[in-house]
Amino acid sequence: MTNSILSDKRLRLFFVAWWFVWILLQYIMLRQLDVNEFHAITDSLVGNILLALCSFFISNNMKYYLPRKEKYWYILVVSLMVSFLWMLAQHAVLWVLFKEGDSYFSVIHNSWGIRFGAGFLLISSMSMFSLLWYSQQEQKQAASRETETERLSKEAELFKLRQQLQPHFLFNSLNSISALTSSDPEKARHMIQQLSDFLRGTLRKNEQQWNTLEEELNYLRLYLDIEKVRFGHRLKTEIIYSDEALTLKIPALLLQPVVENAIKFGLYDTTGEVLIKLEAKKEFNYLKVMVQNPFDPETSQPLKGTGFGLSSIQRRLFLLFARHDLISTKKDEDLFITMVLIPQVPVNEKI
């Protein structure tokens, strides 16, 4: 529920100052009309204190019911009714305070039209101000809810993308372990341990949104050790990086699917040795990561979009940075190159 207008300290001070000034102005006007000091002070205080209470009543009422455009007549009707009740209350209080037969009552009766008009003007102005203020607060709350909904939706989608450990990688690893159990039990046990460490690291990193490049490369090496058991001497890897790049930030679990795509595309259609090369460096305010693998256009299937398995990475980068140009691919003779750019923005600015 929206807070009352008077919950805002600045508006509360303005509200008090406004009515103090209005009391003072009415007192000065009455004194200029040769009304004695007692009557002028009493009339100014009673009339304006009641008027302030009526204005607060209308303002507070709008906290619970805010008329829409088609019901703006509600403000006019309520302002007229409250102004009339204010006049009755003012007369009743002054009748109690002044002695019976006080000549000042004739002044009050003769000025009822001016009093009612001034009261209605102030009450309706407060009503319009309250309408604008509460409408603005409602719009801010709606925008805040929409932003929070979008943020939660993005976080849910990012979490889903991070959870997508390629099923075929896990199944192939288990099949390799099964095959090694009889032919090379020691290597099978080693691969089980590596796979266990890999999965444990995946679960732990799912709680993190960002890693340093050094942390991500350590995790990537564990993945490559498993793949080297599967492919043996056929898989060769080369990782090149600058010391400056090691401390740069990168979304957690981003490099593994990029390299997996390179291995799948580079090894599945060949029988010889294949070199998968990864190079990372800082370029301006970006971490630039390039992954390349051999490419044989005669045996490889044609690429669509950004390549096999890379669409989810592109989606994740878009959710984080709202940009579509952070991942790109190209063919350079017999090489297929994937380029990833990671903007190095402050953590509190990341989505």
Protein backbone atom coordinates (compact mmCIF):
# COMPACT_ATOMS: atom_id res chain seq x y z
CA MET A 1 0.00 0.00 0.00
CA THR A 2 1.18 3.52 -0.82
CA ASN A 3 2.32 5.60 2.13
CA SER A 4 0.45 8.76 3.13
CA ILE A 5 1.60 12.11 1.78
CA LEU A 6 2.57 13.17 5.30
CA SER A 7 4.92 10.19 5.58
CA ASP A 8 7.29 12.22 3.41
CA LYS A 9 9.23 14.55 5.72
CA ARG A 10 9.58 17.33 3.15
CA LEU A 11 5.87 17.31 2.33
CA ARG A 12 5.02 17.22 6.02
CA LEU A 13 7.09 20.36 6.63
CA PHE A 14 5.56 22.01 3.57
CA PHE A 15 2.06 21.12 4.77
CA VAL A 16 2.68 22.68 8.22
CA ALA A 17 4.35 25.78 6.75
CA TRP A 18 1.51 26.25 4.24
CA TRP A 19 -1.19 26.30 6.90
CA PHE A 20 0.86 28.49 9.20
CA VAL A 21 1.20 31.06 6.41
CA TRP A 22 -2.51 30.80 5.60
CA ILE A 23 -3.47 31.36 9.27
CA LEU A 24 -1.20 34.39 9.38
CA LEU A 25 -2.67 35.82 6.16
CA GLN A 26 -6.25 35.42 7.41
CA TYR A 27 -5.33 37.03 10.73
CA ILE A 28 -3.78 40.03 8.93
CA MET A 29 -6.83 40.41 6.66
CA LEU A 30 -9.25 40.33 9.60
CA ARG A 31 -7.21 42.89 11.51
CA GLN A 32 -7.27 45.19 8.49
CA LEU A 33 -11.08 44.91 8.58
CA ASP A 34 -10.98 46.26 12.15
CA VAL A 35 -11.74 42.87 13.73
CA ASN A 36 -10.36 42.80 17.28
CA GLU A 37 -7.35 40.63 18.04
CA PHE A 38 -9.21 37.94 20.00
CA HIS A 39 -11.77 37.35 17.27
CA ALA A 40 -9.13 37.49 14.50
CA ILE A 41 -6.85 34.94 16.19
CA THR A 42 -9.70 32.62 17.15
CA ASP A 43 -11.36 32.74 13.73
CA SER A 44 -8.05 32.18 11.90
CA LEU A 45 -6.97 29.25 14.11
CA VAL A 46 -10.34 27.46 14.22
CA GLY A 47 -11.14 27.85 10.53
CA ASN A 48 -7.74 26.82 9.22
CA ILE A 49 -7.09 23.98 11.66
CA LEU A 50 -10.43 22.44 10.66
CA LEU A 51 -9.63 23.13 7.01
CA ALA A 52 -6.25 21.39 7.38
CA LEU A 53 -7.93 18.36 9.00
CA CYS A 54 -10.45 18.18 6.14
CA SER A 55 -7.66 18.36 3.57
CA PHE A 56 -5.75 15.62 5.35
CA PHE A 57 -8.95 13.52 5.47
CA ILE A 58 -9.36 13.72 1.69
CA SER A 59 -5.66 13.09 1.07
CA ASN A 60 -5.59 10.07 3.35
CA ASN A 61 -8.79 8.72 1.79
CA MET A 62 -7.10 8.67 -1.63
CA LYS A 63 -4.49 6.31 -0.23
CA TYR A 64 -7.23 3.66 -0.18
CA TYR A 65 -9.27 4.77 -3.18
CA LEU A 66 -7.71 6.59 -6.11
CA PRO A 67 -10.28 7.67 -8.74
CA ARG A 68 -9.45 6.96 -12.36
CA LYS A 69 -9.89 9.34 -15.27
CA GLU A 70 -13.52 8.43 -15.83
CA LYS A 71 -14.29 9.19 -12.16
CA TYR A 72 -12.61 12.55 -11.66
CA TRP A 73 -16.05 13.96 -10.84
CA TYR A 74 -15.57 12.14 -7.54
CA ILE A 75 -13.02 14.77 -6.49
CA LEU A 76 -15.43 17.63 -7.21
CA VAL A 77 -18.31 16.02 -5.33
CA VAL A 78 -16.22 15.08 -2.31
CA SER A 79 -14.60 18.52 -2.18
CA LEU A 80 -18.03 20.20 -2.18
CA MET A 81 -19.35 17.88 0.53
CA VAL A 82 -16.28 18.28 2.74
CA SER A 83 -16.35 22.07 2.26
CA PHE A 84 -19.97 22.14 3.41
CA LEU A 85 -19.16 19.99 6.47
CA TRP A 86 -16.21 22.27 7.21
CA MET A 87 -18.50 25.31 7.24
CA LEU A 88 -20.88 23.60 9.68
CA ALA A 89 -18.05 22.50 11.96
CA GLN A 90 -16.48 25.97 11.92
CA HIS A 91 -19.76 27.62 12.88
CA ALA A 92 -20.35 25.10 15.64
CA VAL A 93 -16.91 25.55 17.20
CA LEU A 94 -17.05 29.35 17.01
CA TRP A 95 -20.53 29.31 18.54
CA VAL A 96 -19.13 27.38 21.50
CA LEU A 97 -16.08 29.64 21.89
CA PHE A 98 -17.80 33.00 21.52
CA LYS A 99 -20.34 34.27 23.98
CA GLU A 100 -23.99 34.12 23.05
CA GLY A 101 -25.02 37.29 21.31
CA ASP A 102 -21.46 38.16 20.26
CA SER A 103 -21.64 40.75 17.51
CA TYR A 104 -18.89 38.93 15.57
CA PHE A 105 -21.42 36.31 14.51
CA SER A 106 -22.90 38.85 12.12
CA VAL A 107 -19.49 39.16 10.44
CA ILE A 108 -19.29 35.36 10.08
CA HIS A 109 -22.80 35.13 8.60
CA ASN A 110 -22.17 37.94 6.12
CA SER A 111 -18.94 36.34 4.88
CA TRP A 112 -20.11 32.73 4.48
CA GLY A 113 -19.91 32.91 0.67
CA ILE A 114 -16.29 34.06 0.68
CA ARG A 115 -15.42 31.52 3.39
CA PHE A 116 -17.05 28.65 1.53
CA GLY A 117 -15.36 29.63 -1.75
CA ALA A 118 -11.92 29.89 -0.14
CA GLY A 119 -12.40 26.62 1.72
CA PHE A 120 -13.59 24.81 -1.40
CA LEU A 121 -10.62 26.19 -3.38
CA LEU A 122 -8.11 24.97 -0.78
CA ILE A 123 -9.75 21.57 -0.29
CA SER A 124 -10.10 20.90 -4.03
CA SER A 125 -6.48 22.01 -4.59
CA MET A 126 -5.34 19.58 -1.90
CA SER A 127 -7.47 16.88 -3.55
CA MET A 128 -5.85 17.46 -6.94
CA PHE A 129 -2.38 17.53 -5.42
CA SER A 130 -3.10 14.26 -3.60
CA LEU A 131 -4.41 12.70 -6.82
CA LEU A 132 -1.23 13.63 -8.69
CA TRP A 133 1.03 12.51 -5.85
CA TYR A 134 -0.63 9.12 -5.31
CA SER A 135 -0.84 8.53 -9.07
CA GLN A 136 2.89 9.17 -9.35
CA GLN A 137 3.61 6.83 -6.43
CA GLU A 138 1.43 4.15 -8.00
CA GLN A 139 3.30 4.48 -11.31
CA LYS A 140 6.64 4.22 -9.49
CA GLN A 141 5.49 1.08 -7.68
CA ALA A 142 4.20 -0.43 -10.93
CA ALA A 143 7.53 0.34 -12.65
CA SER A 144 9.42 -1.11 -9.67
CA ARG A 145 7.34 -4.30 -9.77
CA GLU A 146 7.88 -4.60 -13.52
CA THR A 147 11.64 -4.12 -13.10
CA GLU A 148 11.75 -6.69 -10.31
CA THR A 149 9.70 -9.15 -12.38
CA GLU A 150 12.07 -8.72 -15.33
CA ARG A 151 15.07 -9.15 -13.03
CA LEU A 152 13.68 -12.36 -11.52
CA SER A 153 12.78 -13.63 -14.98
CA LYS A 154 16.32 -12.96 -16.23
CA GLU A 155 17.84 -14.61 -13.16
CA ALA A 156 15.62 -17.66 -13.66
CA GLU A 157 16.61 -17.94 -17.31
CA LEU A 158 20.30 -17.42 -16.50
CA PHE A 159 20.06 -20.12 -13.83
CA LYS A 160 18.45 -22.47 -16.33
CA LEU A 161 21.19 -21.78 -18.89
CA ARG A 162 23.91 -22.36 -16.29
CA GLN A 163 22.27 -25.64 -15.33
CA GLN A 164 22.45 -26.97 -18.88
CA LEU A 165 25.37 -29.34 -18.58
CA GLN A 166 25.32 -31.06 -21.97
CA PRO A 167 23.69 -34.49 -21.42
CA HIS A 168 25.71 -36.12 -24.19
CA PHE A 169 28.96 -35.12 -22.44
CA LEU A 170 27.86 -36.88 -19.24
CA PHE A 171 26.59 -39.95 -21.11
CA ASN A 172 29.74 -40.20 -23.24
CA SER A 173 31.90 -39.90 -20.12
CA LEU A 174 29.97 -42.68 -18.42
CA ASN A 175 30.25 -44.86 -21.53
CA SER A 176 33.99 -44.24 -21.63
CA ILE A 177 34.27 -45.16 -17.95
CA SER A 178 32.29 -48.32 -18.62
CA ALA A 179 34.63 -49.27 -21.49
CA LEU A 180 37.73 -48.55 -19.39
CA THR A 181 36.51 -50.57 -16.43
CA SER A 182 37.63 -53.86 -18.01
CA SER A 183 40.52 -52.65 -20.20
CA ASP A 184 42.16 -50.12 -17.88
CA PRO A 185 40.57 -50.06 -14.37
CA GLU A 186 43.09 -47.53 -13.04
CA LYS A 187 42.30 -45.05 -15.79
CA ALA A 188 38.57 -45.66 -15.21
CA ARG A 189 38.95 -44.84 -11.51
CA HIS A 190 40.91 -41.72 -12.41
CA MET A 191 38.22 -40.61 -14.84
CA ILE A 192 35.50 -41.23 -12.23
CA GLN A 193 37.36 -38.99 -9.82
CA GLN A 194 37.78 -36.31 -12.47
CA LEU A 195 34.11 -36.50 -13.42
CA SER A 196 33.14 -36.26 -9.74
CA ASP A 197 35.32 -33.17 -9.29
CA PHE A 198 33.89 -31.68 -12.46
CA LEU A 199 30.28 -32.16 -11.37
CA ARG A 200 31.02 -30.91 -7.85
CA GLY A 201 32.61 -27.79 -9.33
CA THR A 202 29.57 -27.30 -11.57
CA LEU A 203 27.21 -27.37 -8.60
CA ARG A 204 29.41 -24.99 -6.63
CA LYS A 205 29.80 -22.55 -9.51
CA ASN A 206 26.07 -22.48 -10.16
CA GLU A 207 25.82 -20.36 -7.01
CA GLN A 208 28.20 -17.80 -8.51
CA GLN A 209 27.38 -15.35 -11.25
CA TRP A 210 30.96 -14.25 -11.92
CA ASN A 211 34.45 -15.78 -11.76
CA THR A 212 37.89 -14.51 -12.53
CA LEU A 213 39.41 -15.87 -15.71
CA GLU A 214 41.93 -17.79 -13.60
CA GLU A 215 39.12 -19.62 -11.76
CA GLU A 216 37.34 -20.37 -15.01
CA LEU A 217 40.50 -21.76 -16.63
CA ASN A 218 41.13 -24.06 -13.66
CA TYR A 219 37.64 -25.47 -14.10
CA LEU A 220 38.14 -25.72 -17.87
CA ARG A 221 41.35 -27.75 -17.43
CA LEU A 222 39.42 -30.27 -15.34
CA TYR A 223 36.90 -30.64 -18.15
CA LEU A 224 39.69 -31.04 -20.73
CA ASP A 225 41.37 -33.77 -18.64
CA ILE A 226 38.15 -35.79 -18.85
CA GLU A 227 37.89 -35.26 -22.59
CA LYS A 228 41.53 -36.28 -23.07
CA VAL A 229 40.79 -39.60 -21.39
CA ARG A 230 37.97 -40.12 -23.87
CA PHE A 231 39.84 -39.07 -26.99
CA GLY A 232 43.37 -40.03 -25.95
CA HIS A 233 46.23 -38.72 -28.09
CA ARG A 234 43.81 -37.25 -30.64
CA LEU A 235 42.95 -34.25 -28.47
CA LYS A 236 45.62 -31.60 -28.03
CA THR A 237 44.97 -28.31 -26.28
CA GLU A 238 46.80 -25.03 -26.00
CA ILE A 239 45.76 -22.29 -23.59
CA ILE A 240 47.40 -18.89 -23.94
CA TYR A 241 46.67 -15.93 -21.70
CA SER A 242 48.24 -12.75 -20.39
CA ASP A 243 48.81 -12.21 -16.68
CA GLU A 244 46.67 -9.09 -16.92
CA ALA A 245 43.71 -11.14 -18.18
CA LEU A 246 43.72 -13.63 -15.28
CA THR A 247 42.09 -11.16 -12.89
CA LEU A 248 39.34 -10.07 -15.30
CA LYS A 249 35.77 -11.16 -14.67
CA ILE A 250 33.82 -13.65 -16.75
CA PRO A 251 30.36 -15.22 -16.29
CA ALA A 252 30.72 -18.54 -14.45
CA LEU A 253 30.70 -21.71 -16.61
CA LEU A 254 30.89 -19.78 -19.88
CA LEU A 255 34.07 -21.21 -21.41
CA GLN A 256 33.26 -24.92 -21.02
CA PRO A 257 30.38 -24.97 -23.56
CA VAL A 258 32.47 -22.88 -26.01
CA VAL A 259 35.36 -25.34 -25.83
CA GLU A 260 32.97 -28.30 -25.90
CA ASN A 261 31.53 -26.93 -29.12
CA ALA A 262 35.05 -26.67 -30.56
CA ILE A 263 35.89 -30.26 -29.54
CA LYS A 264 32.66 -31.62 -30.97
CA PHE A 265 33.10 -29.72 -34.21
CA GLY A 266 36.83 -30.40 -34.48
CA LEU A 267 37.10 -34.07 -33.48
CA TYR A 268 33.85 -35.76 -34.43
CA ASP A 269 34.51 -35.65 -38.17
CA THR A 270 38.22 -36.47 -38.08
CA THR A 271 40.44 -39.40 -37.08
CA GLY A 272 43.80 -37.66 -36.60
CA GLU A 273 45.16 -35.35 -33.94
CA VAL A 274 43.29 -32.10 -33.38
CA LEU A 275 44.54 -28.96 -31.66
CA ILE A 276 42.00 -26.87 -29.76
CA LYS A 277 43.50 -23.46 -29.02
CA LEU A 278 42.21 -20.93 -26.53
CA GLU A 279 43.66 -17.43 -26.24
CA ALA A 280 42.57 -14.82 -23.69
CA LYS A 281 43.71 -11.23 -23.35
CA LYS A 282 42.54 -7.81 -22.26
CA GLU A 283 41.56 -5.51 -25.09
CA PHE A 284 40.50 -2.01 -24.06
CA ASN A 285 37.74 -2.58 -21.45
CA TYR A 286 36.98 -6.13 -22.56
CA LEU A 287 38.16 -9.63 -21.83
CA LYS A 288 38.64 -11.12 -25.29
CA VAL A 289 38.58 -14.92 -25.57
CA MET A 290 39.26 -16.67 -28.86
CA VAL A 291 38.71 -20.42 -29.31
CA GLN A 292 39.73 -22.10 -32.57
CA ASN A 293 39.48 -25.63 -33.90
CA PRO A 294 40.23 -27.34 -37.24
CA PHE A 295 37.52 -27.13 -39.83
CA ASP A 296 37.02 -29.37 -42.84
CA PRO A 297 34.23 -28.03 -45.06
CA GLU A 298 33.99 -31.37 -46.91
CA THR A 299 33.16 -33.45 -43.84
CA SER A 300 31.65 -30.89 -41.45
CA GLN A 301 27.96 -30.08 -41.46
CA PRO A 302 27.08 -26.53 -42.49
CA LEU A 303 26.77 -24.04 -39.63
CA LYS A 304 23.60 -22.21 -38.77
CA GLY A 305 23.47 -19.05 -36.68
CA THR A 306 26.51 -18.77 -34.44
CA GLY A 307 27.32 -22.50 -34.47
CA PHE A 308 26.58 -25.69 -32.55
CA GLY A 309 25.73 -25.07 -28.90
CA LEU A 310 26.60 -21.39 -29.03
CA SER A 311 23.06 -19.99 -29.16
CA SER A 312 22.58 -20.51 -25.41
CA ILE A 313 25.84 -18.63 -24.74
CA GLN A 314 24.68 -15.77 -26.94
CA ARG A 315 21.38 -15.69 -25.05
CA ARG A 316 23.15 -15.63 -21.70
CA LEU A 317 25.41 -12.77 -22.75
CA PHE A 318 22.39 -10.83 -23.99
CA LEU A 319 20.64 -11.28 -20.63
CA LEU A 320 23.75 -10.04 -18.82
CA PHE A 321 24.71 -7.13 -21.07
CA ALA A 322 21.70 -6.52 -23.39
CA ARG A 323 23.98 -6.88 -26.43
CA HIS A 324 23.94 -9.30 -29.36
CA ASP A 325 27.46 -8.55 -30.61
CA LEU A 326 29.51 -10.18 -27.83
CA ILE A 327 29.93 -13.56 -29.53
CA SER A 328 30.87 -14.14 -33.15
CA THR A 329 32.19 -16.93 -35.34
CA LYS A 330 34.16 -17.07 -38.57
CA LYS A 331 35.89 -19.57 -40.87
CA ASP A 332 39.50 -18.89 -41.76
CA GLU A 333 40.63 -21.48 -44.34
CA ASP A 334 40.78 -24.72 -42.30
CA LEU A 335 40.05 -23.10 -38.93
CA PHE A 336 36.77 -22.32 -37.23
CA ILE A 337 37.12 -19.42 -34.75
CA THR A 338 34.73 -18.41 -31.98
CA MET A 339 35.26 -14.96 -30.46
CA VAL A 340 33.74 -13.93 -27.12
CA LEU A 341 33.94 -10.42 -25.63
CA ILE A 342 33.20 -9.84 -21.94
CA PRO A 343 32.71 -6.17 -20.96
CA GLN A 344 34.48 -5.35 -17.69
CA VAL A 345 31.80 -3.27 -15.96
CA PRO A 346 31.51 -2.77 -12.19
CA VAL A 347 29.80 -5.71 -10.46
CA ASN A 348 26.94 -3.57 -9.12
CA GLU A 349 26.09 -2.52 -12.68
CA LYS A 350 25.75 -6.05 -13.97
CA ILE A 351 22.27 -7.34 -14.48
